[in-house]
């Protein structure tokens, strides 16, 4: 079977209301040709806008898209044609191993490049939700490395919005005798996390659950946590601040990312109101990673 995908099309628009964005996505499902997939995402630029994207294997009906955009008061759709792409070759070319302190995140095509003495984490790029190559994931690994260098003692760990569970696996590899739990709101992400644990020989080492925030009995019973990772977005981080204070232990730490540099002060202020002090702040490109300590 060929790894080269055929020509495809995307149709993207934005609008300022989540309910309208979800309504537009539902209306797109009745289009002909039918989209192969539809996504609804909150924009990460603090604009308050929501993006709706449709993905097509046939050229979409641009008149129908224009009618839908007008009906839901969205911006006109931007339609793009994507040429055939050899995605496997693209991944191997563009996603090189990531080094973050003692941690080495790699795909199977770079298995021969793993240095001796490193904490190696195999994350296939085909598995979405955070391969370790994104600046926020790398920033979290570096922040964890800094806590280890500070002599932070091991204790229970939660990874909220875990994606591939790369952060949970990093903690489980270094702190071998502590419970680690990884949660994600997306069922597919939870399945991917379990698959990654398997390929890394870590079955049963991290508990994976589907949950929004801390809304799962296993997360409640596992508290208080010595360390909580949350590599998500500003909005969910602000909403989770009170729950973070409830679930972290005395003198426990948070490592937060998914934060654009210009959003970092707002997040820090919200967490200070919940009794967290700034421990370390680091930027990597356009992203900030915050390490906070419970006072």
Protein backbone atom coordinates (compact mmCIF):
# COMPACT_ATOMS: atom_id res chain seq x y z
CA UNK A 1 0.00 0.00 0.00
CA UNK A 2 1.32 3.45 -0.91
CA UNK A 3 2.12 5.99 1.80
CA UNK A 4 1.34 8.84 -0.62
CA UNK A 5 -2.02 10.45 0.04
CA UNK A 6 -4.14 11.59 -2.94
CA UNK A 7 -5.11 15.18 -3.58
CA UNK A 8 -7.37 16.57 -0.85
CA UNK A 9 -8.97 19.87 0.12
CA UNK A 10 -9.45 21.89 3.28
CA UNK A 11 -12.09 24.53 4.01
CA UNK A 12 -11.46 26.75 7.04
CA UNK A 13 -13.37 29.58 8.67
CA UNK A 14 -13.58 31.33 12.05
CA UNK A 15 -16.40 32.72 14.16
CA UNK A 16 -16.59 34.18 17.67
CA UNK A 17 -19.04 31.81 19.31
CA UNK A 18 -18.52 28.17 20.32
CA UNK A 19 -22.18 27.19 19.98
CA UNK A 20 -22.33 28.67 16.47
CA UNK A 21 -19.07 26.92 15.55
CA UNK A 22 -20.46 23.57 16.68
CA UNK A 23 -23.71 24.27 14.84
CA UNK A 24 -21.80 25.06 11.66
CA UNK A 25 -19.79 21.84 11.96
CA UNK A 26 -23.01 19.82 12.29
CA UNK A 27 -24.51 21.55 9.24
CA UNK A 28 -21.39 20.72 7.21
CA UNK A 29 -22.03 17.01 7.76
CA UNK A 30 -25.01 17.27 5.37
CA UNK A 31 -22.92 18.70 2.52
CA UNK A 32 -22.34 16.96 -0.80
CA UNK A 33 -19.61 15.91 -1.22
CA UNK A 34 -19.50 14.99 2.45
CA UNK A 35 -16.39 16.04 4.37
CA UNK A 36 -14.09 13.21 5.44
CA UNK A 37 -13.61 15.01 8.74
CA UNK A 38 -14.66 18.19 10.53
CA UNK A 39 -12.82 19.86 13.40
CA UNK A 40 -13.81 22.63 15.82
CA UNK A 41 -11.00 24.30 17.75
CA UNK A 42 -10.60 27.33 19.97
CA UNK A 43 -7.89 29.56 18.54
CA UNK A 44 -4.71 29.73 20.64
CA UNK A 45 -4.06 33.45 20.06
CA UNK A 46 -6.41 34.67 22.85
CA UNK A 47 -8.71 36.20 20.21
CA UNK A 48 -11.79 34.35 21.44
CA UNK A 49 -12.38 32.99 17.94
CA UNK A 50 -13.27 29.41 17.05
CA UNK A 51 -12.00 27.71 13.92
CA UNK A 52 -14.11 25.24 11.94
CA UNK A 53 -12.30 23.11 9.40
CA UNK A 54 -13.59 20.59 6.89
CA UNK A 55 -11.38 18.05 5.14
CA UNK A 56 -12.46 16.66 1.75
CA UNK A 57 -11.26 13.98 -0.65
CA UNK A 58 -13.30 15.67 -3.40
CA UNK A 59 -13.41 19.38 -4.21
CA UNK A 60 -16.00 20.94 -1.87
CA UNK A 61 -19.06 22.85 -3.06
CA UNK A 62 -17.89 26.42 -2.51
CA UNK A 63 -21.39 27.82 -3.04
CA UNK A 64 -22.72 25.61 -0.25
CA UNK A 65 -19.84 26.69 1.97
CA UNK A 66 -20.63 30.36 1.30
CA UNK A 67 -24.29 29.81 2.23
CA UNK A 68 -23.33 28.05 5.46
CA UNK A 69 -20.83 30.77 6.40
CA UNK A 70 -23.50 33.44 5.91
CA UNK A 71 -26.10 31.46 7.86
CA UNK A 72 -23.82 31.10 10.88
CA UNK A 73 -22.24 34.59 10.59
CA UNK A 74 -18.81 33.09 9.99
CA UNK A 75 -16.05 34.51 7.87
CA UNK A 76 -15.97 33.24 4.27
CA UNK A 77 -14.38 29.81 4.03
CA UNK A 78 -10.79 29.67 2.77
CA UNK A 79 -10.57 26.63 0.50
CA UNK A 80 -7.16 25.10 -0.22
CA UNK A 81 -6.12 22.20 -2.41
CA UNK A 82 -3.47 19.93 -0.90
CA UNK A 83 -1.23 18.09 -3.37
CA UNK A 84 -0.40 14.39 -3.01
CA UNK A 85 2.04 13.97 -0.12
CA UNK A 86 4.28 11.16 1.05
CA UNK A 87 3.60 11.66 4.75
CA UNK A 88 5.99 8.97 5.97
CA UNK A 89 8.89 10.61 4.15
CA UNK A 90 7.77 14.02 5.41
CA UNK A 91 7.70 12.82 9.01
CA UNK A 92 11.14 11.28 8.76
CA UNK A 93 12.51 14.45 7.19
CA UNK A 94 10.93 17.01 9.51
CA UNK A 95 10.50 15.29 12.89
CA UNK A 96 13.96 14.73 14.23
CA UNK A 97 14.61 13.42 17.76
CA UNK A 98 13.99 15.89 20.58
CA UNK A 99 16.44 16.20 23.46
CA UNK A 100 15.31 17.76 26.74
CA UNK A 101 17.82 17.21 29.49
CA UNK A 102 18.04 13.48 30.16
CA UNK A 103 14.97 12.83 27.98
CA UNK A 104 15.20 11.73 24.35
CA UNK A 105 11.94 11.60 22.38
CA UNK A 106 12.12 9.81 19.04
CA UNK A 107 10.20 7.95 16.37
CA UNK A 108 10.94 4.38 15.35
CA UNK A 109 12.75 5.62 12.24
CA UNK A 110 15.39 7.12 14.58
CA UNK A 111 15.76 4.11 16.87
CA UNK A 112 19.44 3.78 15.94
CA UNK A 113 20.10 7.35 17.09
CA UNK A 114 19.20 6.87 20.78
CA UNK A 115 22.25 7.83 22.88
CA UNK A 116 23.40 5.63 25.73
CA UNK A 117 22.30 6.60 29.21
CA UNK A 118 19.26 8.66 28.18
CA UNK A 119 15.62 8.27 29.17
CA UNK A 120 14.33 7.25 25.73
CA UNK A 121 10.63 7.69 24.90
CA UNK A 122 9.30 6.27 21.66
CA UNK A 123 6.42 8.37 20.32
CA UNK A 124 5.35 7.78 16.74
CA UNK A 125 4.58 11.00 14.88
CA UNK A 126 1.56 9.33 13.30
CA UNK A 127 0.01 9.35 16.78
CA UNK A 128 -1.33 12.85 17.30
CA UNK A 129 -1.88 14.74 20.56
CA UNK A 130 1.72 15.72 21.32
CA UNK A 131 4.70 13.93 19.84
CA UNK A 132 7.28 15.73 21.97
CA UNK A 133 8.34 17.86 19.02
CA UNK A 134 6.00 20.73 19.94
CA UNK A 135 7.67 23.51 21.94
CA UNK A 136 5.18 23.13 24.78
CA UNK A 137 5.95 19.43 25.32
CA UNK A 138 9.67 20.04 25.13
CA UNK A 139 9.27 22.93 27.56
CA UNK A 140 7.47 20.67 30.04
CA UNK A 141 10.21 18.05 29.83
CA UNK A 142 12.86 20.71 30.44
CA UNK A 143 10.86 22.04 33.40
CA UNK A 144 10.66 18.53 34.85
CA UNK A 145 14.41 18.14 34.34
CA UNK A 146 14.93 21.37 36.30
CA UNK A 147 12.78 20.10 39.19
CA UNK A 148 14.80 16.89 39.27
CA UNK A 149 17.99 18.94 39.38
CA UNK A 150 16.53 20.86 42.33
CA UNK A 151 16.19 17.58 44.21
CA UNK A 152 12.39 17.48 44.18
CA UNK A 153 11.40 14.24 45.95
CA UNK A 154 9.27 11.71 44.05
CA UNK A 155 5.55 11.46 44.65
CA UNK A 156 2.25 10.83 42.87
CA UNK A 157 1.96 12.45 39.42
CA UNK A 158 -1.02 13.50 37.30
CA UNK A 159 -0.80 14.47 33.63
CA UNK A 160 -3.95 16.43 32.70
CA UNK A 161 -4.67 16.65 28.98
CA UNK A 162 -2.02 14.02 28.48
CA UNK A 163 -2.29 13.37 24.74
CA UNK A 164 0.28 10.68 23.97
CA UNK A 165 1.19 10.57 27.69
CA UNK A 166 4.81 11.46 26.94
CA UNK A 167 5.01 13.57 30.12
CA UNK A 168 3.42 10.87 32.26
CA UNK A 169 5.84 8.31 30.83
CA UNK A 170 8.80 10.60 31.53
CA UNK A 171 7.74 10.84 35.18
CA UNK A 172 7.11 7.10 35.45
CA UNK A 173 10.54 6.32 34.03
CA UNK A 174 12.37 8.59 36.48
CA UNK A 175 10.16 8.03 39.54
CA UNK A 176 9.72 4.28 39.24
CA UNK A 177 7.87 3.59 42.48
CA UNK A 178 5.18 6.28 42.46
CA UNK A 179 1.67 6.16 40.97
CA UNK A 180 1.23 8.10 37.73
CA UNK A 181 -2.12 8.86 36.10
CA UNK A 182 -2.73 10.39 32.68
CA UNK A 183 -6.07 11.82 31.62
CA UNK A 184 -7.46 13.31 28.44
CA UNK A 185 -10.88 14.52 27.36
CA UNK A 186 -10.48 12.72 24.01
CA UNK A 187 -11.15 8.97 23.91
CA UNK A 188 -8.78 8.53 20.95
CA UNK A 189 -6.00 10.26 22.86
CA UNK A 190 -6.48 7.84 25.75
CA UNK A 191 -6.20 4.90 23.36
CA UNK A 192 -3.05 6.43 21.85
CA UNK A 193 -1.58 6.89 25.32
CA UNK A 194 -2.13 3.22 26.13
CA UNK A 195 -0.58 2.21 22.81
CA UNK A 196 2.49 4.33 23.55
CA UNK A 197 2.85 2.73 26.96
CA UNK A 198 2.80 -0.66 25.27
CA UNK A 199 5.48 0.14 22.69
CA UNK A 200 7.67 1.54 25.47
CA UNK A 201 7.27 -1.60 27.57
CA UNK A 202 5.37 0.31 30.26
CA UNK A 203 1.98 -1.44 30.29
CA UNK A 204 0.29 -0.88 33.64
CA UNK A 205 2.87 1.67 34.75
CA UNK A 206 0.62 4.67 34.02
CA UNK A 207 -3.14 4.65 34.58
CA UNK A 208 -4.92 6.23 31.58
CA UNK A 209 -8.45 7.62 31.96
CA UNK A 210 -10.86 9.66 29.87
CA UNK A 211 -11.82 12.77 31.81
CA UNK A 212 -12.42 16.49 31.54
CA UNK A 213 -9.97 18.06 33.94
CA UNK A 214 -10.04 16.14 37.22
CA UNK A 215 -13.53 14.73 36.68
CA UNK A 216 -12.75 11.06 37.27
CA UNK A 217 -12.78 8.99 40.51
CA UNK A 218 -9.23 7.74 39.87
CA UNK A 219 -7.92 11.32 39.80
CA UNK A 220 -9.68 12.13 43.06
CA UNK A 221 -8.44 9.01 44.82
CA UNK A 222 -4.86 9.60 43.62
CA UNK A 223 -4.60 13.04 45.24
CA UNK A 224 -2.73 14.80 46.71
CA UNK A 225 -0.18 14.95 43.90
CA UNK A 226 3.46 15.90 44.22
CA UNK A 227 3.50 17.00 40.58
CA UNK A 228 0.78 17.87 38.08
CA UNK A 229 1.48 18.44 34.38
CA UNK A 230 -1.08 20.36 32.30
CA UNK A 231 0.00 21.08 28.74
CA UNK A 232 -3.28 22.39 27.38
CA UNK A 233 -4.45 25.97 26.61
CA UNK A 234 -4.89 29.21 28.53
CA UNK A 235 -8.69 28.93 28.83
CA UNK A 236 -8.77 25.43 30.34
CA UNK A 237 -5.79 26.26 32.56
CA UNK A 238 -7.63 29.24 34.04
CA UNK A 239 -10.77 27.16 34.55
CA UNK A 240 -8.77 24.40 36.27
CA UNK A 241 -6.91 26.64 38.73
CA UNK A 242 -9.22 25.92 41.72
CA UNK A 243 -9.13 22.16 41.04
CA UNK A 244 -5.34 22.30 40.78
CA UNK A 245 -5.22 23.81 44.27
CA UNK A 246 -7.50 21.06 45.56
CA UNK A 247 -5.54 18.17 44.07
CA UNK A 248 -1.89 19.16 44.56
CA UNK A 249 -0.17 18.42 47.84
CA UNK A 250 1.55 20.80 50.25
CA UNK A 251 4.72 22.12 48.58
CA UNK A 252 3.66 20.30 45.41
CA UNK A 253 4.48 21.61 41.95
CA UNK A 254 2.59 22.34 38.75
CA UNK A 255 4.16 22.39 35.29
CA UNK A 256 1.83 24.30 32.97
CA UNK A 257 2.19 24.95 29.26
CA UNK A 258 0.20 25.45 26.09
CA UNK A 259 0.57 29.12 27.02
CA UNK A 260 1.51 31.77 24.48
CA UNK A 261 4.16 34.12 25.83
CA UNK A 262 1.73 37.04 26.04
CA UNK A 263 -0.72 34.91 28.07
CA UNK A 264 1.74 33.86 30.79
CA UNK A 265 1.07 36.77 33.16
CA UNK A 266 -2.68 36.11 33.14
CA UNK A 267 -2.14 32.45 33.98
CA UNK A 268 0.37 33.28 36.73
CA UNK A 269 -2.03 35.80 38.29
CA UNK A 270 -4.91 33.31 38.31
CA UNK A 271 -2.78 30.67 40.01
CA UNK A 272 -1.33 33.12 42.52
CA UNK A 273 -4.91 33.74 43.65
CA UNK A 274 -5.13 30.00 44.39
CA UNK A 275 -2.00 29.98 46.55
CA UNK A 276 0.68 29.13 43.98
CA UNK A 277 4.03 30.91 43.81
CA UNK A 278 6.18 31.23 40.69
CA UNK A 279 9.08 28.78 40.80
CA UNK A 280 10.41 29.04 37.26
CA UNK A 281 9.34 30.51 33.91
CA UNK A 282 10.88 29.50 30.60
CA UNK A 283 10.11 30.40 27.00
CA UNK A 284 10.71 28.28 23.93
CA UNK A 285 9.81 30.11 20.75
CA UNK A 286 6.33 31.59 21.14
CA UNK A 287 5.43 29.35 24.11
CA UNK A 288 5.91 29.76 27.86
CA UNK A 289 6.17 26.97 30.42
CA UNK A 290 5.37 27.86 34.03
CA UNK A 291 6.57 25.88 37.05
CA UNK A 292 4.54 26.83 40.12
CA UNK A 293 4.81 25.72 43.75
CA UNK A 294 2.02 25.40 46.29
CA UNK A 295 2.78 27.77 49.16
